[in-house]
Each structure stands twice: as C-alpha cells, then as structure tokens.
Amino acid sequence: MPKFFINSNQIENENIIIIGEDVNHIKNVLRMKIDDEITVCNIDDSSNYLAKINEFDKTKIICKISEKFQTTTESNIKVHIYQGLPKADKMELIIQKSVELGVDAITPVEMKRCVVKLDGKDKIKKTERWQKIAEVAAKQCGRDIIPEICNIKNIKEIAEDFSSYNAVLLCYENEKNLFLKKALKEMENVSVNEELKIAVIIGPEGGIDISEVEFMEQKGARVISLGNRILRTETVALSLLSIIMYEFERNEI
C-alpha cells in the first residue's frame, strides 16, 4: 500500500490533507480513486494512519482517517554515515540503499582525495536532490522517518560530532590490527535497552588520506579494517549497515 509523509498541521480532526508533490503522484502516477486507501505517517511523532481518499482538489487531497497505528520499522540503532563524496551517481545509490537498511542520517564529506568538487550553489542543489531520494526510499520501504541528508561538511567539522556517539568507526584499508568484528564485539556491553548511536566514516574512491586518518583518530575515531579485500566506496555503507543491524537491532513484532 502506498505510504506518504505529512506534518501535524496536515491533520484536521478526522481528516488528513495531502499537499505538494504527493497530490500529483496519487492522482496521475498511481491513478488512485475515491475510497482507495493509503498509509500516512506523521513525521512529527512517527504516528501512522490508514486513510481513505474522500476528495480530490487541484492542490490537495482530503483523506478520512480509518485507523491510527504504530509500527516497529525504526531501529534502536542509530547509524550516521559520514560518506566521502564519490563520483557520478554513486551517492544516490548509497543514500537509497542505506535508507532501506535503516540509516538514521548521512553526511557527505569533503576529503583530500575526493574527485568531486562542489561550490556553494551546487552543494545546495545536490543536498536537496539527495534529500528527495531519501524521502522516496523511505516511502518505498515503509520507514517512519525520512533520514536526514545533512549539509556537506569537511573533516574538521565532522570531528566536532564525535562525542555524540557510543562509537565512531573509521574504515581504513591500511589498518591491520583492529577488525570490524572485534570492534563490534567490544560494543556488546552497551545495554540492550539503550539507544546505540554509531558513526561510520567512509572514504571516497581514492580512500582517506593518512593525515585525515590521524586527525580523526586523535579526535576519538576508532580506525578499523573491513577485512582482506578492499571494497568500493559504494559497497562499504551497505555492508556495514547490514552487519551492524544484524548484530544489535532488536526485532520486535
């Protein structure tokens, strides 16, 4: 069943008012009719509603609430991906699949070995496009939030965030001592009732420069190896998210 996101101000008594681009999507893409049902999520409090279409207008669709319910799609694990800017459309793939796997937020990061260089206007346009991709992916996989695609930052700026996490894992192909499995094992002492917050730092195609690795390690990041094979930058986030969710996520039905 199609899912759409709203804010609290779009709920009026027993009605939900659909506005914006979703109006065209419901009318002209999905070709839905009066009495068709949709699922609606209020991103202000993660409440979900089953609603029936009552009325079409040029700029809005009025739906009648049939049922309010809660879901368990969101994880107790909050993973924030700090992704070195990759080339071409790889960032779009990383965002789409990371949202499906349960990422909480993604920050694009400018690093020394990034081939992509964006100026002020391009940064804004890219971030807006990436946020839209996150929204579409969140709808598709039934999320109760739209993960935030944060503004592009540099190494020094992201280091200011490190104290907010239970662990900051920096993926580095030249690390030979600390492997991901051991790093995750050491995190098992965190209470299962606590919301676990993990930051993952991933380099661009050329990897992370050693000077950046040393700087972030001094700021509290743990440098880890992902194994004997070097992964493409667009593979790392998907691999790590899958493993972290498998290890720590509480499955509640």
Protein backbone atom coordinates (compact mmCIF):
# COMPACT_ATOMS: atom_id res chain seq x y z
CA MET A 1 0.00 0.00 0.00
CA PRO A 2 1.39 3.45 -0.91
CA LYS A 3 2.86 5.42 2.02
CA PHE A 4 3.14 9.18 2.34
CA PHE A 5 4.61 11.58 4.92
CA ILE A 6 2.83 14.54 6.47
CA ASN A 7 3.28 17.06 9.30
CA SER A 8 0.93 17.52 12.24
CA ASN A 9 -0.60 20.64 10.67
CA GLN A 10 -1.97 18.46 7.85
CA ILE A 11 -4.26 16.64 10.28
CA GLU A 12 -7.63 18.32 10.78
CA ASN A 13 -9.97 16.46 13.15
CA GLU A 14 -10.60 13.12 11.38
CA ASN A 15 -9.14 14.24 8.07
CA ILE A 16 -5.65 14.22 6.60
CA ILE A 17 -4.81 16.80 3.94
CA ILE A 18 -2.29 15.64 1.34
CA ILE A 19 -0.47 18.54 -0.36
CA GLY A 20 2.60 19.22 -2.51
CA GLU A 21 4.11 16.75 -4.96
CA ASP A 22 2.22 13.85 -3.41
CA VAL A 23 -1.02 15.18 -4.92
CA ASN A 24 0.25 14.67 -8.45
CA HIS A 25 1.76 11.31 -7.54
CA ILE A 26 -1.51 9.97 -6.12
CA LYS A 27 -3.68 11.37 -8.92
CA ASN A 28 -1.58 10.97 -12.05
CA VAL A 29 1.07 8.35 -11.28
CA LEU A 30 -0.76 5.91 -9.03
CA ARG A 31 -4.13 6.91 -10.58
CA MET A 32 -5.91 6.35 -7.29
CA LYS A 33 -9.64 6.95 -6.93
CA ILE A 34 -12.17 7.94 -4.29
CA ASP A 35 -12.31 5.31 -1.49
CA ASP A 36 -8.81 3.99 -2.26
CA GLU A 37 -6.70 3.57 0.87
CA ILE A 38 -3.22 4.91 1.61
CA THR A 39 -0.87 4.74 4.59
CA VAL A 40 0.20 8.09 6.03
CA CYS A 41 3.00 8.74 8.52
CA ASN A 42 3.22 11.89 10.65
CA ILE A 43 6.95 12.65 10.73
CA ASP A 44 6.48 14.84 13.82
CA ASP A 45 5.65 11.89 16.08
CA SER A 46 6.00 8.79 13.82
CA SER A 47 2.27 8.01 14.11
CA ASN A 48 0.85 6.00 11.24
CA TYR A 49 -2.64 6.20 9.79
CA LEU A 50 -4.70 4.16 7.43
CA ALA A 51 -6.74 6.68 5.46
CA LYS A 52 -9.34 6.55 2.71
CA ILE A 53 -9.40 9.11 -0.10
CA ASN A 54 -12.54 11.27 0.17
CA GLU A 55 -11.98 14.22 -2.12
CA PHE A 56 -9.66 15.39 -4.89
CA ASP A 57 -8.77 19.04 -5.41
CA LYS A 58 -6.30 20.75 -7.72
CA THR A 59 -3.85 21.40 -4.89
CA LYS A 60 -4.83 18.90 -2.21
CA ILE A 61 -6.39 15.53 -1.46
CA ILE A 62 -8.63 15.06 1.56
CA CYS A 63 -8.48 11.66 3.24
CA LYS A 64 -10.61 10.26 6.06
CA ILE A 65 -8.71 8.53 8.87
CA SER A 66 -9.78 4.91 9.23
CA GLU A 67 -7.24 3.77 11.78
CA LYS A 68 -4.26 5.03 13.77
CA PHE A 69 -1.47 2.58 14.49
CA GLN A 70 2.19 2.28 15.47
CA THR A 71 4.83 0.31 13.60
CA THR A 72 8.23 -1.12 14.51
CA THR A 73 10.09 -0.15 11.36
CA GLU A 74 12.54 2.15 13.14
CA SER A 75 15.58 0.66 14.83
CA ASN A 76 17.02 1.10 18.30
CA ILE A 77 20.36 1.51 16.49
CA LYS A 78 21.06 5.00 15.18
CA VAL A 79 23.74 4.82 12.49
CA HIS A 80 25.09 8.04 10.98
CA ILE A 81 27.10 7.57 7.78
CA TYR A 82 29.80 10.15 7.04
CA GLN A 83 30.44 9.47 3.37
CA GLY A 84 33.40 10.89 1.45
CA LEU A 85 31.97 12.47 -1.72
CA PRO A 86 32.05 9.85 -4.50
CA LYS A 87 31.94 10.34 -8.25
CA ALA A 88 28.94 10.25 -10.59
CA ASP A 89 25.67 8.93 -9.17
CA LYS A 90 27.21 6.66 -6.53
CA MET A 91 25.97 8.92 -3.73
CA GLU A 92 22.40 8.38 -4.89
CA LEU A 93 22.83 4.61 -4.68
CA ILE A 94 24.43 4.88 -1.23
CA ILE A 95 21.56 7.03 0.05
CA GLN A 96 18.81 4.89 -1.42
CA LYS A 97 20.11 1.58 -0.11
CA SER A 98 21.24 2.98 3.24
CA VAL A 99 17.73 4.31 3.88
CA GLU A 100 16.31 0.88 3.09
CA LEU A 101 18.76 -0.71 5.54
CA GLY A 102 17.83 1.65 8.37
CA VAL A 103 20.35 4.51 8.39
CA ASP A 104 19.44 7.43 10.66
CA ALA A 105 21.35 10.18 8.83
CA ILE A 106 24.00 10.68 6.14
CA THR A 107 26.55 13.47 5.91
CA PRO A 108 28.51 13.95 2.67
CA VAL A 109 32.13 14.81 3.49
CA GLU A 110 34.76 16.69 1.52
CA MET A 111 38.08 14.86 1.81
CA LYS A 112 41.51 15.36 0.26
CA ARG A 113 41.12 12.52 -2.22
CA CYS A 114 37.60 13.42 -3.36
CA VAL A 115 37.49 13.93 -7.12
CA VAL A 116 34.16 15.72 -6.89
CA LYS A 117 34.41 19.42 -6.02
CA LEU A 118 31.19 21.36 -5.40
CA ASP A 119 30.71 25.08 -4.98
CA GLY A 120 28.05 26.78 -2.85
CA LYS A 121 25.12 26.59 -5.27
CA ASP A 122 25.93 23.04 -6.37
CA LYS A 123 26.11 21.93 -2.74
CA ILE A 124 22.60 23.21 -2.08
CA LYS A 125 21.17 21.62 -5.23
CA LYS A 126 22.86 18.29 -4.57
CA THR A 127 21.73 18.17 -0.95
CA GLU A 128 18.14 18.94 -1.95
CA ARG A 129 18.20 16.18 -4.58
CA TRP A 130 19.77 13.69 -2.17
CA GLN A 131 17.12 14.51 0.47
CA LYS A 132 14.40 13.81 -2.08
CA ILE A 133 15.98 10.46 -2.88
CA ALA A 134 15.98 9.66 0.83
CA GLU A 135 12.29 10.55 1.05
CA VAL A 136 11.33 8.34 -1.90
CA ALA A 137 13.33 5.45 -0.47
CA ALA A 138 11.73 5.94 2.96
CA LYS A 139 8.27 5.76 1.42
CA GLN A 140 9.13 2.67 -0.58
CA CYS A 141 10.46 0.66 2.36
CA GLY A 142 7.89 1.80 4.93
CA ARG A 143 10.10 3.91 7.20
CA ASP A 144 8.53 6.09 9.89
CA ILE A 145 11.12 8.84 9.42
CA ILE A 146 12.87 10.41 6.49
CA PRO A 147 16.59 10.11 7.27
CA GLU A 148 18.30 13.48 7.10
CA ILE A 149 20.85 14.18 4.40
CA CYS A 150 22.94 16.77 6.18
CA ASN A 151 24.84 19.64 4.61
CA ILE A 152 28.23 18.80 3.14
CA LYS A 153 30.99 19.12 5.74
CA ASN A 154 34.75 18.78 5.95
CA ILE A 155 36.87 16.61 8.25
CA LYS A 156 37.27 19.21 10.98
CA GLU A 157 33.53 19.85 11.08
CA ILE A 158 32.52 16.21 11.43
CA ALA A 159 35.09 15.68 14.20
CA GLU A 160 33.03 18.07 16.33
CA ASP A 161 30.21 15.50 16.29
CA PHE A 162 32.22 12.52 17.55
CA SER A 163 31.37 12.97 21.23
CA SER A 164 27.68 12.38 20.40
CA TYR A 165 28.18 8.69 19.62
CA ASN A 166 28.80 5.48 21.52
CA ALA A 167 31.34 4.61 18.84
CA VAL A 168 32.92 6.26 15.79
CA LEU A 169 34.23 3.72 13.29
CA LEU A 170 36.65 4.93 10.61
CA CYS A 171 37.05 2.47 7.75
CA TYR A 172 40.65 2.42 6.52
CA GLU A 173 42.12 -0.09 4.10
CA ASN A 174 45.61 0.04 5.63
CA GLU A 175 44.52 -0.85 9.17
CA LYS A 176 45.99 -4.25 10.11
CA ASN A 177 45.12 -4.71 13.80
CA LEU A 178 41.53 -3.80 14.62
CA PHE A 179 38.93 -5.57 12.50
CA LEU A 180 35.22 -4.75 12.39
CA LYS A 181 34.24 -7.98 14.13
CA LYS A 182 36.39 -7.20 17.17
CA ALA A 183 35.23 -3.57 17.31
CA LEU A 184 31.59 -4.64 17.35
CA LYS A 185 32.28 -7.34 19.93
CA GLU A 186 33.65 -4.68 22.28
CA MET A 187 30.38 -2.75 21.96
CA GLU A 188 28.24 -5.60 23.24
CA ASN A 189 28.48 -4.29 26.80
CA VAL A 190 26.10 -1.46 25.89
CA SER A 191 22.72 -2.21 27.45
CA VAL A 192 20.17 -3.71 25.09
CA ASN A 193 17.72 -1.14 26.41
CA GLU A 194 19.93 1.78 25.44
CA GLU A 195 19.65 3.51 22.09
CA LEU A 196 23.01 2.76 20.48
CA LYS A 197 24.47 5.58 18.38
CA ILE A 198 27.21 4.70 15.90
CA ALA A 199 29.03 6.92 13.41
CA VAL A 200 30.70 5.33 10.38
CA ILE A 201 33.26 7.25 8.33
CA ILE A 202 33.85 6.11 4.75
CA GLY A 203 36.35 7.49 2.27
CA PRO A 204 35.79 8.30 -1.43
CA GLU A 205 37.14 6.17 -4.28
CA GLY A 206 40.76 7.05 -3.52
CA GLY A 207 40.43 6.28 0.18
CA ILE A 208 41.15 8.53 3.16
CA ASP A 209 44.47 10.34 3.34
CA ILE A 210 46.71 9.25 6.23
CA SER A 211 46.78 12.79 7.62
CA GLU A 212 42.98 12.75 7.84
CA VAL A 213 43.02 9.32 9.48
CA GLU A 214 45.48 10.50 12.12
CA PHE A 215 43.48 13.67 12.78
CA MET A 216 40.20 11.81 13.25
CA GLU A 217 41.85 9.15 15.38
CA GLN A 218 43.14 11.89 17.69
CA LYS A 219 39.57 13.20 17.94
CA GLY A 220 38.23 9.82 19.08
CA ALA A 221 37.53 7.77 15.97
CA ARG A 222 38.45 4.08 16.03
CA VAL A 223 40.28 3.03 12.88
CA ILE A 224 39.03 -0.35 11.66
CA SER A 225 39.64 -2.80 8.84
CA LEU A 226 36.78 -4.40 6.93
CA GLY A 227 38.83 -7.46 6.04
CA ASN A 228 41.30 -8.70 3.49
CA ARG A 229 39.50 -7.32 0.45
CA ILE A 230 39.19 -3.64 -0.45
CA LEU A 231 35.57 -2.65 -1.01
CA ARG A 232 34.31 0.01 -3.39
CA THR A 233 33.14 3.13 -1.60
CA GLU A 234 29.51 2.46 -2.59
CA THR A 235 29.71 -1.03 -1.06
CA VAL A 236 31.03 -0.07 2.37
CA ALA A 237 27.94 1.64 3.81
CA LEU A 238 25.64 -1.16 2.69
CA SER A 239 27.91 -3.84 4.08
CA LEU A 240 28.43 -2.13 7.43
CA LEU A 241 24.78 -1.23 7.93
CA SER A 242 23.73 -4.81 7.28
CA ILE A 243 26.25 -6.15 9.79
CA ILE A 244 25.51 -3.57 12.48
CA MET A 245 21.75 -4.09 12.24
CA TYR A 246 22.19 -7.85 12.37
CA GLU A 247 24.37 -7.61 15.47
CA PHE A 248 22.48 -5.03 17.54
CA GLU A 249 18.97 -4.40 16.28
CA ARG A 250 16.10 -5.52 18.48
CA ASN A 251 13.47 -7.32 16.41
CA GLU A 252 10.04 -6.61 17.84
CA ILE A 253 6.80 -7.86 16.34
